[in-house]
């Protein structure tokens, strides 16, 4: 239901975006060649909200974390739409992002004992970084929706089989299939882009699911770190490299590995398939082990990231 509804809502939004000329125009930092409608996140988040409400009426007893996750994500979608229309300041957007992360961290950490509340600041920082890195990585056709869908399907499966949390698993799967419905329109060559109205709330939802899952015990803390390793490695390495060079990190660029690979291979689809292969064949088995052997989480995270970091180092000169 989520996938079919997402296909329909994103398709309807695409028609409106074309009519209203809501287009992302290519420039020297773009990875697309033609003006393309953006803001597809409106369809994704609208779909997620609707199927959550319908499943609630259908008998699913959603925990309070779901309503906060969804409400805050919808607020970020609205902010993205307003930003596209009015070009809000970076300071204002960052303030709203930080407030959303703080509220979600407070909600997710509420079940913990008081002495564990030192985790609040690291949780807020991690959520903020997760939102931004997902936004950074939404730069070629299909990659962001594919990463979200595959990671959520994997985490949902692990939570259902080993975590004893069907509601958590269901929400993960609904988010995954909402993105797969969008992927119908975003598949290379893309007819519709996610935009900040989609990439920011999607990154927020992934971070929120990781935090909620770790606190509730639905998934081991290492699981999401492993499943999102490609995005975390590429975004973090590239940001650090630009910082060390003294570049303006707020300025858009095309230096991420996935962007350089798309130019080197001459294909967005090839990069998407490479991501799918790495997550499916390398990262998912490690996440599975992390879920069933939580005491080895640190070792498994290190094992997951090591070849990715080596790859980043070896491809530094790739253009």
Protein backbone atom coordinates (compact mmCIF):
# COMPACT_ATOMS: atom_id res chain seq x y z
CA UNK A 1 0.00 0.00 0.00
CA UNK A 2 2.79 2.41 0.90
CA UNK A 3 4.60 1.85 -2.38
CA UNK A 4 1.49 2.21 -4.55
CA UNK A 5 0.38 5.33 -2.68
CA UNK A 6 3.87 6.83 -2.97
CA UNK A 7 3.94 6.21 -6.72
CA UNK A 8 0.61 8.00 -7.04
CA UNK A 9 1.36 10.93 -4.75
CA UNK A 10 4.83 11.53 -6.20
CA UNK A 11 3.38 11.29 -9.72
CA UNK A 12 0.69 13.83 -8.85
CA UNK A 13 3.29 16.14 -7.31
CA UNK A 14 5.42 15.77 -10.45
CA UNK A 15 2.57 17.09 -12.58
CA UNK A 16 2.07 20.07 -10.25
CA UNK A 17 5.80 20.79 -10.12
CA UNK A 18 5.94 20.86 -13.91
CA UNK A 19 2.92 23.15 -14.08
CA UNK A 20 4.28 25.51 -11.42
CA UNK A 21 7.85 25.34 -12.81
CA UNK A 22 9.36 24.03 -9.57
CA UNK A 23 12.56 23.02 -11.29
CA UNK A 24 16.15 22.36 -10.26
CA UNK A 25 18.22 24.02 -12.99
CA UNK A 26 21.63 22.48 -13.76
CA UNK A 27 24.81 24.40 -12.97
CA UNK A 28 28.51 23.63 -12.87
CA UNK A 29 28.08 21.74 -9.58
CA UNK A 30 25.08 19.68 -10.71
CA UNK A 31 25.09 16.05 -11.77
CA UNK A 32 22.10 16.47 -14.10
CA UNK A 33 21.89 18.14 -17.49
CA UNK A 34 18.23 19.18 -17.80
CA UNK A 35 15.89 21.24 -15.59
CA UNK A 36 14.13 18.69 -13.38
CA UNK A 37 11.21 19.04 -10.94
CA UNK A 38 12.25 18.82 -7.30
CA UNK A 39 10.45 18.52 -3.97
CA UNK A 40 9.43 14.87 -4.33
CA UNK A 41 9.86 14.51 -0.59
CA UNK A 42 6.36 15.99 -0.28
CA UNK A 43 4.96 12.82 -1.84
CA UNK A 44 7.16 10.53 0.24
CA UNK A 45 6.30 12.08 3.61
CA UNK A 46 2.62 12.50 2.74
CA UNK A 47 2.51 8.81 1.88
CA UNK A 48 4.25 7.83 5.12
CA UNK A 49 1.84 9.93 7.18
CA UNK A 50 -1.22 8.46 5.48
CA UNK A 51 -0.20 4.81 5.82
CA UNK A 52 0.77 5.38 9.45
CA UNK A 53 -2.69 6.79 10.19
CA UNK A 54 -4.45 4.03 8.22
CA UNK A 55 -2.46 1.28 9.96
CA UNK A 56 -3.30 2.89 13.30
CA UNK A 57 -7.02 2.66 12.48
CA UNK A 58 -6.34 -0.89 11.30
CA UNK A 59 -5.20 -1.98 14.73
CA UNK A 60 -1.49 -1.15 14.93
CA UNK A 61 -0.68 0.29 18.35
CA UNK A 62 2.01 2.83 17.53
CA UNK A 63 4.36 3.88 20.35
CA UNK A 64 4.74 7.58 21.09
CA UNK A 65 8.11 7.71 19.28
CA UNK A 66 6.38 7.15 15.93
CA UNK A 67 4.12 10.18 16.29
CA UNK A 68 7.02 12.42 17.28
CA UNK A 69 9.20 11.06 14.48
CA UNK A 70 6.48 11.60 11.91
CA UNK A 71 5.37 15.01 13.17
CA UNK A 72 8.88 16.42 13.28
CA UNK A 73 9.73 14.94 9.87
CA UNK A 74 6.63 16.55 8.36
CA UNK A 75 7.70 19.88 9.89
CA UNK A 76 11.07 19.50 8.17
CA UNK A 77 9.31 18.77 4.88
CA UNK A 78 7.30 21.99 5.20
CA UNK A 79 10.51 23.86 6.00
CA UNK A 80 12.10 22.42 2.86
CA UNK A 81 9.18 23.57 0.71
CA UNK A 82 9.30 27.08 2.22
CA UNK A 83 13.07 27.20 1.77
CA UNK A 84 12.75 26.30 -1.92
CA UNK A 85 10.28 29.18 -2.35
CA UNK A 86 11.86 31.84 -0.12
CA UNK A 87 15.53 30.77 0.29
CA UNK A 88 15.69 30.84 4.08
CA UNK A 89 18.94 31.66 5.83
CA UNK A 90 21.31 28.89 6.83
CA UNK A 91 21.12 30.05 10.47
CA UNK A 92 17.33 29.76 10.57
CA UNK A 93 17.30 26.33 8.95
CA UNK A 94 20.05 25.03 11.24
CA UNK A 95 18.19 26.32 14.30
CA UNK A 96 15.02 24.46 13.29
CA UNK A 97 17.03 21.33 12.51
CA UNK A 98 18.70 21.47 15.93
CA UNK A 99 15.39 21.98 17.75
CA UNK A 100 13.82 19.00 15.96
CA UNK A 101 16.81 16.84 16.86
CA UNK A 102 16.71 17.98 20.49
CA UNK A 103 13.00 17.20 20.83
CA UNK A 104 13.38 13.77 19.25
CA UNK A 105 16.40 12.93 21.42
CA UNK A 106 14.43 13.89 24.55
CA UNK A 107 11.54 11.66 23.49
CA UNK A 108 13.70 8.66 22.59
CA UNK A 109 15.93 8.89 25.68
CA UNK A 110 12.99 9.33 28.09
CA UNK A 111 12.84 5.59 29.02
CA UNK A 112 16.50 5.60 30.15
CA UNK A 113 17.63 6.02 33.72
CA UNK A 114 18.64 9.54 34.70
CA UNK A 115 22.37 8.81 34.87
CA UNK A 116 22.38 7.89 31.16
CA UNK A 117 21.20 11.32 30.08
CA UNK A 118 24.76 12.30 29.28
CA UNK A 119 23.85 10.71 25.92
CA UNK A 120 21.59 13.67 25.07
CA UNK A 121 24.24 15.92 23.50
CA UNK A 122 25.91 13.13 21.46
CA UNK A 123 22.47 12.03 20.28
CA UNK A 124 21.54 15.53 19.09
CA UNK A 125 24.89 15.96 17.32
CA UNK A 126 24.56 12.53 15.67
CA UNK A 127 21.01 13.30 14.50
CA UNK A 128 22.12 16.65 13.07
CA UNK A 129 25.02 15.09 11.23
CA UNK A 130 22.80 12.28 9.92
CA UNK A 131 20.34 14.78 8.45
CA UNK A 132 23.04 16.78 6.74
CA UNK A 133 25.07 13.86 5.43
CA UNK A 134 21.96 12.34 3.84
CA UNK A 135 21.32 15.70 2.19
CA UNK A 136 24.92 15.82 0.96
CA UNK A 137 24.60 12.33 -0.52
CA UNK A 138 21.42 13.10 -2.47
CA UNK A 139 23.30 14.21 -5.56
CA UNK A 140 22.66 11.66 -8.32
CA UNK A 141 19.57 9.85 -9.54
CA UNK A 142 18.26 7.12 -7.26
CA UNK A 143 21.03 6.92 -4.68
CA UNK A 144 19.33 8.46 -1.63
CA UNK A 145 16.01 6.65 -2.09
CA UNK A 146 17.83 3.37 -2.71
CA UNK A 147 20.02 3.72 0.40
CA UNK A 148 17.02 4.53 2.57
CA UNK A 149 14.92 1.68 1.18
CA UNK A 150 17.61 -1.01 1.48
CA UNK A 151 18.73 0.06 4.97
CA UNK A 152 15.15 0.24 6.26
CA UNK A 153 14.23 -3.16 4.80
CA UNK A 154 17.31 -4.70 6.41
CA UNK A 155 16.75 -3.06 9.80
CA UNK A 156 13.04 -3.90 9.71
CA UNK A 157 13.80 -7.55 9.00
CA UNK A 158 16.33 -7.75 11.83
CA UNK A 159 13.98 -6.01 14.25
CA UNK A 160 11.11 -8.33 13.37
CA UNK A 161 13.08 -11.59 13.53
CA UNK A 162 15.48 -10.85 16.41
CA UNK A 163 14.29 -7.68 18.14
CA UNK A 164 10.73 -8.72 18.92
CA UNK A 165 9.46 -5.32 17.78
CA UNK A 166 6.82 -5.67 15.01
CA UNK A 167 5.76 -2.00 15.22
CA UNK A 168 9.34 -0.83 14.75
CA UNK A 169 9.77 -3.26 11.85
CA UNK A 170 6.53 -2.12 10.23
CA UNK A 171 7.46 1.56 10.40
CA UNK A 172 10.87 0.77 8.86
CA UNK A 173 9.20 -1.11 6.02
CA UNK A 174 6.62 1.62 5.39
CA UNK A 175 9.43 4.18 5.13
CA UNK A 176 11.34 1.84 2.81
CA UNK A 177 8.43 1.28 0.44
CA UNK A 178 7.46 4.95 0.43
CA UNK A 179 10.96 5.59 -0.94
CA UNK A 180 10.67 2.73 -3.42
CA UNK A 181 7.49 4.34 -4.76
CA UNK A 182 9.39 7.61 -5.20
CA UNK A 183 12.21 5.67 -6.87
CA UNK A 184 9.84 4.87 -9.75
CA UNK A 185 10.11 8.56 -10.68
CA UNK A 186 13.70 9.06 -9.46
CA UNK A 187 15.19 6.02 -11.24
CA UNK A 188 17.95 7.07 -13.66
CA UNK A 189 17.32 9.16 -15.67
CA UNK A 190 15.25 10.88 -12.98
CA UNK A 191 11.99 12.66 -13.74
CA UNK A 192 11.69 13.96 -10.15
CA UNK A 193 14.20 14.89 -7.44
CA UNK A 194 13.72 14.47 -3.70
CA UNK A 195 14.95 17.96 -2.80
CA UNK A 196 15.49 19.26 0.72
CA UNK A 197 11.82 18.51 1.39
CA UNK A 198 12.78 14.83 1.15
CA UNK A 199 16.47 14.40 1.92
CA UNK A 200 16.44 16.33 5.21
CA UNK A 201 13.40 14.55 6.74
CA UNK A 202 14.59 11.19 5.38
CA UNK A 203 17.97 11.61 7.06
CA UNK A 204 16.16 12.71 10.22
CA UNK A 205 13.93 9.62 10.14
CA UNK A 206 16.88 7.28 9.65
CA UNK A 207 18.74 8.85 12.58
CA UNK A 208 15.59 8.75 14.70
CA UNK A 209 15.02 5.08 13.90
CA UNK A 210 18.61 4.32 14.87
CA UNK A 211 18.24 6.13 18.21
CA UNK A 212 14.80 4.70 18.99
CA UNK A 213 15.92 1.21 17.99
CA UNK A 214 19.02 1.32 20.19
CA UNK A 215 17.14 2.61 23.26
CA UNK A 216 14.19 0.22 22.88
CA UNK A 217 16.34 -2.79 22.05
CA UNK A 218 14.67 -3.36 18.68
CA UNK A 219 18.04 -3.29 16.93
CA UNK A 220 21.60 -3.28 18.23
CA UNK A 221 23.30 0.15 18.22
CA UNK A 222 25.80 -1.03 15.60
CA UNK A 223 23.18 -2.10 13.05
CA UNK A 224 22.32 1.30 11.59
CA UNK A 225 25.96 2.43 11.72
CA UNK A 226 26.82 -0.54 9.54
CA UNK A 227 23.87 -0.32 7.13
CA UNK A 228 24.54 3.39 6.45
CA UNK A 229 28.33 2.99 6.29
CA UNK A 230 28.65 4.00 2.61
CA UNK A 231 26.88 7.31 3.16
CA UNK A 232 28.61 8.02 6.48
CA UNK A 233 32.06 7.28 5.07
CA UNK A 234 31.69 9.27 1.85
CA UNK A 235 30.12 12.34 3.50
CA UNK A 236 32.45 12.40 6.51
CA UNK A 237 35.66 11.79 4.53
CA UNK A 238 34.77 14.43 1.95
CA UNK A 239 33.85 17.00 4.58
CA UNK A 240 37.10 16.41 6.49
CA UNK A 241 39.11 16.67 3.29
CA UNK A 242 37.49 20.00 2.42
CA UNK A 243 37.99 21.32 5.95
CA UNK A 244 41.68 20.45 5.88
CA UNK A 245 42.04 22.26 2.54
CA UNK A 246 40.33 25.33 3.95
CA UNK A 247 37.38 25.13 1.51
CA UNK A 248 33.99 26.63 2.27
CA UNK A 249 32.10 23.57 3.53
CA UNK A 250 28.74 25.34 3.09
CA UNK A 251 29.30 25.69 -0.65
CA UNK A 252 27.85 23.02 -2.94
CA UNK A 253 30.41 20.86 -4.76
CA UNK A 254 30.86 17.62 -6.71
CA UNK A 255 33.71 16.02 -4.75
CA UNK A 256 31.89 13.12 -3.09
CA UNK A 257 33.07 9.72 -4.25
CA UNK A 258 29.65 8.77 -5.61
CA UNK A 259 29.66 11.93 -7.77
CA UNK A 260 33.18 11.30 -9.01
CA UNK A 261 32.31 7.68 -9.79
CA UNK A 262 29.21 8.71 -11.73
CA UNK A 263 31.36 10.95 -13.92
CA UNK A 264 34.15 8.36 -14.24
CA UNK A 265 31.73 5.58 -15.20
CA UNK A 266 29.41 7.89 -17.12
CA UNK A 267 26.40 6.44 -15.34
CA UNK A 268 24.28 7.15 -12.26
CA UNK A 269 22.77 3.66 -12.44
CA UNK A 270 26.19 2.00 -12.18
CA UNK A 271 26.86 3.83 -8.91
CA UNK A 272 23.42 2.88 -7.58
CA UNK A 273 24.03 -0.78 -8.39
CA UNK A 274 27.46 -0.62 -6.74
CA UNK A 275 25.84 0.78 -3.58
CA UNK A 276 23.20 -1.96 -3.66
CA UNK A 277 25.89 -4.63 -4.02
CA UNK A 278 28.00 -3.29 -1.14
CA UNK A 279 25.02 -3.00 1.22
CA UNK A 280 23.54 -6.37 0.27
CA UNK A 281 26.69 -8.47 0.06
CA UNK A 282 28.96 -6.82 2.64
CA UNK A 283 27.13 -4.56 5.07
CA UNK A 284 23.91 -6.51 5.62
CA UNK A 285 25.67 -9.73 6.72
CA UNK A 286 27.75 -7.68 9.17
CA UNK A 287 24.62 -5.93 10.47
CA UNK A 288 23.02 -9.35 10.92
CA UNK A 289 26.01 -10.49 12.99
CA UNK A 290 25.87 -7.24 14.98
CA UNK A 291 22.20 -7.86 15.80
CA UNK A 292 22.80 -11.45 16.93
CA UNK A 293 26.19 -10.83 18.59
CA UNK A 294 25.82 -7.40 20.15
CA UNK A 295 28.95 -7.77 22.26
CA UNK A 296 31.04 -7.72 19.05
CA UNK A 297 29.43 -4.52 17.74
CA UNK A 298 32.56 -2.36 17.84
CA UNK A 299 34.61 -4.96 16.00
CA UNK A 300 31.91 -5.40 13.34
CA UNK A 301 31.58 -1.63 12.80
CA UNK A 302 35.36 -1.39 12.37
CA UNK A 303 35.28 -4.31 9.95
CA UNK A 304 32.47 -2.69 7.95
CA UNK A 305 34.17 0.71 7.62
CA UNK A 306 37.78 -0.37 7.03
CA UNK A 307 37.50 -1.28 3.31
CA UNK A 308 35.32 1.77 2.68
CA UNK A 309 37.91 4.07 4.21
CA UNK A 310 40.65 2.38 2.18
CA UNK A 311 38.52 2.90 -0.94
CA UNK A 312 38.14 6.60 -0.14
CA UNK A 313 41.90 6.94 0.30
CA UNK A 314 42.70 5.06 -2.90
CA UNK A 315 40.26 7.05 -5.03
CA UNK A 316 41.28 10.49 -3.79
CA UNK A 317 42.65 11.50 -7.19
CA UNK A 318 39.69 10.18 -9.17
CA UNK A 319 37.92 12.98 -11.07
